Amino acid sequence: MGCTSPTHPIRVGVQLHPQHTSYEDFAQAVRTAEELGVDTIWNWDHFFPLYGDPQGNHFEGWTLLTAMATLTKRARIGCLVTCNTYRNPALISDMAKTVDHISGGRVILGIGAGWFERDYKEYGYEFGTPGRRLAALEEALPIIKHRWEVDVPKPVQKPIPILIGGGGEKKTLRLTAKYADMWHGFGDAETLAHKMEVLDGWCKEEGRDPKEIERSAGTNADDSNQTRDAILRTGVTHLILGMGAPWDFKAVEKLVSWRDSRRG
């Protein structure tokens, strides 16, 4: 199985899908999620809805994240995840650093290689191949970290945590081992346990202590406590519930209650 060290506390988060909603409704959902006690609140980085009416309301992730920084006081915030090739990596670093200051040191830079072809085509970005997008991510990560070291003002957090999302075993997990503070995956406990083993192997290759990397995974509103416990046993310590409007806050309450009962 994967890393089972209690190095990282059990945390829960919610990813609020910024689609098919109004800004006022989304903002209230952010406030409510924090009031319910989640540790992290996320949006995503797309330009069009991922489900439902493809022409429905949708809001851009990083400008929305700035608002989320001002709407919250305690929870950490981030995009799950930023698409690397929508923006120059130096710009991404500056955006993350700015939101880090606005939030008082609560931003997490979630980042990945990108995959939603419509975003690329309609906004004029080159879609290319998965391999090329992953290569661009590998080129970007050291640039982002370097800009945090040389630009002023420096980030509040030293450093801003980087989360890499994705389960690709040859490239994505290698990049996670080399550059990230957090990894986010999907799947059942068996799938996640396998990915953890691969990630731990890459950590060994990179001379990295695997315990340094916090492991997070998605959870569904109807997941039982037993299902979540099984994921916890793989070494995941951070479960994130994704949901769209209308918001299911009962599911958020259930997830927070599960966390509180497992923290001991």
Protein backbone atom coordinates (compact mmCIF):
# COMPACT_ATOMS: atom_id res chain seq x y z
CA MET A 1 0.00 0.00 0.00
CA GLY A 2 1.02 3.63 -0.21
CA CYS A 3 2.48 5.93 2.40
CA THR A 4 0.52 5.46 5.65
CA SER A 5 2.51 7.82 7.83
CA PRO A 6 0.46 10.28 9.93
CA THR A 7 2.81 13.05 8.79
CA HIS A 8 -0.12 14.94 7.26
CA PRO A 9 -3.35 15.58 9.18
CA ILE A 10 -6.64 14.32 7.80
CA ARG A 11 -8.17 17.15 5.78
CA VAL A 12 -11.30 17.59 3.70
CA GLY A 13 -12.13 20.03 0.97
CA VAL A 14 -14.81 20.94 -1.53
CA GLN A 15 -14.40 21.80 -5.20
CA LEU A 16 -17.21 24.16 -6.18
CA HIS A 17 -17.73 23.91 -9.93
CA PRO A 18 -17.88 27.48 -11.31
CA GLN A 19 -20.56 26.71 -13.88
CA HIS A 20 -24.35 26.94 -14.20
CA THR A 21 -24.48 29.44 -11.35
CA SER A 22 -24.32 33.18 -10.68
CA TYR A 23 -21.41 34.91 -8.98
CA GLU A 24 -23.62 35.76 -6.00
CA ASP A 25 -24.65 32.13 -5.61
CA PHE A 26 -21.08 30.89 -5.95
CA ALA A 27 -19.81 33.44 -3.42
CA GLN A 28 -22.41 32.35 -0.89
CA ALA A 29 -21.43 28.73 -1.45
CA VAL A 30 -17.80 29.60 -0.67
CA ARG A 31 -18.83 31.32 2.56
CA THR A 32 -21.05 28.43 3.57
CA ALA A 33 -18.36 25.83 2.86
CA GLU A 34 -15.94 27.66 5.13
CA GLU A 35 -18.57 28.01 7.84
CA LEU A 36 -19.17 24.24 7.69
CA GLY A 37 -15.51 23.68 8.52
CA VAL A 38 -13.80 22.38 5.38
CA ASP A 39 -10.03 22.75 5.25
CA THR A 40 -9.78 23.63 1.56
CA ILE A 41 -12.05 25.21 -1.08
CA TRP A 42 -11.30 24.81 -4.79
CA ASN A 43 -12.66 25.78 -8.17
CA TRP A 44 -11.34 24.62 -11.56
CA ASP A 45 -9.54 26.20 -14.49
CA HIS A 46 -11.77 25.94 -17.56
CA PHE A 47 -13.60 28.39 -19.81
CA PHE A 48 -16.76 26.40 -20.56
CA PRO A 49 -18.99 24.02 -18.60
CA LEU A 50 -17.72 20.46 -18.35
CA TYR A 51 -21.25 19.01 -18.11
CA GLY A 52 -24.81 20.15 -18.58
CA ASP A 53 -25.59 22.93 -21.06
CA PRO A 54 -22.29 23.57 -22.91
CA GLN A 55 -23.33 27.22 -23.39
CA GLY A 56 -24.31 27.75 -19.75
CA ASN A 57 -22.84 30.23 -17.29
CA HIS A 58 -19.16 29.77 -16.50
CA PHE A 59 -16.54 31.81 -14.62
CA GLU A 60 -12.75 31.98 -15.07
CA GLY A 61 -10.81 30.23 -12.34
CA TRP A 62 -8.05 32.59 -11.24
CA THR A 63 -10.04 35.82 -11.14
CA LEU A 64 -12.65 33.85 -9.20
CA LEU A 65 -9.90 32.58 -6.90
CA THR A 66 -9.02 36.18 -6.04
CA ALA A 67 -12.60 36.69 -4.92
CA MET A 68 -12.47 33.44 -2.95
CA ALA A 69 -9.42 34.79 -1.11
CA THR A 70 -11.45 37.76 0.09
CA LEU A 71 -14.57 35.69 0.87
CA THR A 72 -12.71 33.40 3.26
CA LYS A 73 -10.56 33.80 6.35
CA ARG A 74 -9.38 30.32 7.29
CA ALA A 75 -9.72 27.73 4.53
CA ARG A 76 -6.96 27.23 2.00
CA ILE A 77 -7.96 27.90 -1.60
CA GLY A 78 -6.85 26.81 -5.04
CA CYS A 79 -7.71 25.76 -8.58
CA LEU A 80 -8.08 22.01 -8.95
CA VAL A 81 -6.21 22.34 -11.21
CA THR A 82 -4.68 25.19 -13.20
CA CYS A 83 -4.05 24.31 -16.84
CA ASN A 84 -0.37 25.07 -17.33
CA THR A 85 -0.50 25.99 -21.02
CA TYR A 86 -3.26 28.60 -20.73
CA ARG A 87 -0.71 31.05 -19.30
CA ASN A 88 3.00 31.79 -19.37
CA PRO A 89 4.62 30.08 -16.34
CA ALA A 90 6.13 33.34 -15.07
CA LEU A 91 2.64 34.84 -15.16
CA ILE A 92 1.23 31.84 -13.27
CA SER A 93 3.86 32.35 -10.58
CA ASP A 94 2.98 36.03 -10.24
CA MET A 95 -0.75 35.30 -10.11
CA ALA A 96 -0.26 32.66 -7.42
CA LYS A 97 2.01 34.95 -5.42
CA THR A 98 -0.52 37.79 -5.63
CA VAL A 99 -3.41 35.60 -4.45
CA ASP A 100 -1.10 34.29 -1.72
CA HIS A 101 -0.77 37.86 -0.42
CA ILE A 102 -4.49 38.60 -0.83
CA SER A 103 -5.37 35.45 1.14
CA GLY A 104 -2.77 35.96 3.85
CA GLY A 105 -0.80 32.87 2.81
CA ARG A 106 -3.60 30.40 2.07
CA VAL A 107 -3.28 29.67 -1.66
CA ILE A 108 -2.28 26.29 -3.08
CA LEU A 109 -1.05 26.21 -6.67
CA GLY A 110 -2.85 23.25 -8.16
CA ILE A 111 -1.49 22.61 -11.65
CA GLY A 112 -1.69 20.04 -14.41
CA ALA A 113 -0.95 19.56 -18.08
CA GLY A 114 -4.49 20.31 -19.37
CA TRP A 115 -6.92 18.15 -21.32
CA PHE A 116 -10.18 19.95 -22.28
CA GLU A 117 -9.86 20.45 -26.04
CA ARG A 118 -12.70 22.96 -26.36
CA ASP A 119 -10.89 25.43 -24.10
CA TYR A 120 -7.83 25.30 -26.33
CA LYS A 121 -9.64 25.57 -29.63
CA GLU A 122 -12.04 28.37 -28.75
CA TYR A 123 -9.39 30.44 -26.95
CA GLY A 124 -6.73 29.97 -29.60
CA TYR A 125 -4.25 27.85 -27.64
CA GLU A 126 -2.36 25.01 -29.31
CA PHE A 127 -3.83 21.71 -28.10
CA GLY A 128 -1.01 19.52 -29.34
CA THR A 129 -0.44 16.10 -27.84
CA PRO A 130 -0.57 14.87 -24.23
CA GLY A 131 3.18 14.34 -24.40
CA ARG A 132 3.83 17.90 -25.48
CA ARG A 133 1.53 19.31 -22.81
CA LEU A 134 3.34 17.27 -20.16
CA ALA A 135 6.69 18.47 -21.51
CA ALA A 136 5.43 22.05 -21.20
CA LEU A 137 4.47 21.36 -17.58
CA GLU A 138 7.95 20.03 -16.88
CA GLU A 139 9.45 23.17 -18.41
CA ALA A 140 7.13 25.44 -16.43
CA LEU A 141 7.54 24.11 -12.90
CA PRO A 142 11.17 25.21 -12.33
CA ILE A 143 10.36 28.60 -13.86
CA ILE A 144 7.46 29.08 -11.46
CA LYS A 145 9.60 28.18 -8.45
CA HIS A 146 12.45 30.41 -9.63
CA ARG A 147 10.18 33.45 -10.05
CA TRP A 148 8.98 33.00 -6.45
CA GLU A 149 12.61 33.22 -5.36
CA VAL A 150 13.53 36.38 -7.30
CA ASP A 151 10.35 38.46 -7.70
CA VAL A 152 9.22 40.90 -5.04
CA PRO A 153 7.36 40.94 -2.86
CA LYS A 154 8.12 37.33 -2.11
CA PRO A 155 5.21 34.97 -1.39
CA VAL A 156 3.80 34.95 2.13
CA GLN A 157 4.23 31.17 2.18
CA LYS A 158 7.74 29.90 1.80
CA PRO A 159 7.11 28.17 -0.47
CA ILE A 160 3.60 28.24 -1.89
CA PRO A 161 2.49 24.59 -1.91
CA ILE A 162 2.31 23.03 -5.38
CA LEU A 163 -0.31 20.35 -6.04
CA ILE A 164 -0.04 18.30 -9.22
CA GLY A 165 -3.15 16.53 -10.41
CA GLY A 166 -3.19 13.42 -12.57
CA GLY A 167 -2.31 9.76 -12.54
CA GLY A 168 0.08 9.31 -15.46
CA GLU A 169 2.70 6.93 -14.16
CA LYS A 170 5.62 7.74 -16.46
CA LYS A 171 5.56 11.54 -16.45
CA THR A 172 2.94 13.10 -14.14
CA LEU A 173 3.93 11.11 -11.06
CA ARG A 174 7.62 11.66 -11.80
CA LEU A 175 7.02 15.42 -11.95
CA THR A 176 5.06 15.18 -8.71
CA ALA A 177 7.98 13.46 -7.00
CA LYS A 178 10.38 16.09 -8.28
CA TYR A 179 8.43 19.31 -7.76
CA ALA A 180 5.18 18.95 -5.82
CA ASP A 181 4.10 19.22 -2.20
CA MET A 182 0.74 17.59 -2.89
CA TRP A 183 -0.66 15.04 -5.33
CA HIS A 184 -4.32 14.65 -6.32
CA GLY A 185 -5.70 11.47 -7.81
CA PHE A 186 -8.95 9.75 -8.64
CA GLY A 187 -10.28 6.22 -8.44
CA ASP A 188 -11.12 3.55 -5.91
CA ALA A 189 -8.85 2.50 -3.06
CA GLU A 190 -7.14 -0.20 -5.13
CA THR A 191 -6.34 2.23 -7.94
CA LEU A 192 -5.09 4.89 -5.55
CA ALA A 193 -2.91 2.41 -3.66
CA HIS A 194 -1.22 1.44 -6.92
CA LYS A 195 -0.62 5.08 -7.90
CA MET A 196 0.89 5.72 -4.46
CA GLU A 197 3.35 2.88 -4.96
CA VAL A 198 4.38 4.34 -8.30
CA LEU A 199 4.73 7.81 -6.78
CA ASP A 200 6.79 6.45 -3.90
CA GLY A 201 9.02 4.72 -6.45
CA TRP A 202 9.58 7.98 -8.29
CA CYS A 203 10.35 9.68 -4.97
CA LYS A 204 13.11 7.14 -4.46
CA GLU A 205 14.43 7.85 -7.96
CA GLU A 206 14.41 11.61 -7.27
CA GLY A 207 15.96 11.29 -3.82
CA ARG A 208 12.77 12.61 -2.22
CA ASP A 209 11.17 11.51 1.03
CA PRO A 210 7.68 10.33 -0.04
CA LYS A 211 6.29 11.46 3.31
CA GLU A 212 6.85 15.07 2.21
CA ILE A 213 4.06 14.80 -0.37
CA GLU A 214 0.49 15.12 0.89
CA ARG A 215 -1.87 12.79 -0.98
CA SER A 216 -5.40 13.91 -1.88
CA ALA A 217 -8.23 12.25 -3.79
CA GLY A 218 -11.73 12.92 -4.95
CA THR A 219 -14.77 11.67 -3.07
CA ASN A 220 -18.42 11.52 -4.09
CA ALA A 221 -21.41 12.78 -2.14
CA ASP A 222 -22.80 9.27 -1.77
CA ASP A 223 -19.54 7.64 -0.65
CA SER A 224 -19.95 5.74 2.60
CA ASN A 225 -17.69 6.15 5.60
CA GLN A 226 -16.34 2.69 4.82
CA THR A 227 -15.37 3.76 1.29
CA ARG A 228 -13.62 6.83 2.66
CA ASP A 229 -11.87 4.78 5.33
CA ALA A 230 -10.56 2.44 2.62
CA ILE A 231 -9.12 5.42 0.73
CA LEU A 232 -7.57 6.69 3.96
CA ARG A 233 -5.80 3.36 4.41
CA THR A 234 -3.99 3.84 1.09
CA GLY A 235 -2.18 6.86 2.48
CA VAL A 236 -4.53 9.55 1.19
CA THR A 237 -5.13 12.08 3.97
CA HIS A 238 -7.09 14.75 2.08
CA LEU A 239 -10.49 14.03 0.52
CA ILE A 240 -12.07 16.60 -1.80
CA LEU A 241 -15.76 16.57 -2.69
CA GLY A 242 -16.63 17.99 -6.08
CA MET A 243 -20.06 19.48 -6.69
CA GLY A 244 -22.01 21.91 -8.80
CA ALA A 245 -25.03 24.11 -8.22
CA PRO A 246 -27.47 23.53 -6.63
CA TRP A 247 -25.03 22.90 -3.81
CA ASP A 248 -25.41 19.83 -1.60
CA PHE A 249 -24.26 21.15 1.75
CA LYS A 250 -25.61 18.09 3.58
CA ALA A 251 -22.89 16.13 1.78
CA VAL A 252 -20.32 18.67 2.95
CA GLU A 253 -21.54 18.34 6.54
CA LYS A 254 -21.26 14.54 6.28
CA LEU A 255 -17.68 14.78 4.97
CA VAL A 256 -16.63 17.19 7.74
CA SER A 257 -18.23 14.90 10.32
CA TRP A 258 -16.29 11.93 8.91
CA ARG A 259 -13.05 13.92 9.16
CA ASP A 260 -13.72 14.94 12.75
CA SER A 261 -14.47 11.35 13.78
CA ARG A 262 -11.27 10.05 12.17
CA ARG A 263 -8.92 12.70 13.55
CA GLY A 264 -9.26 11.23 17.00
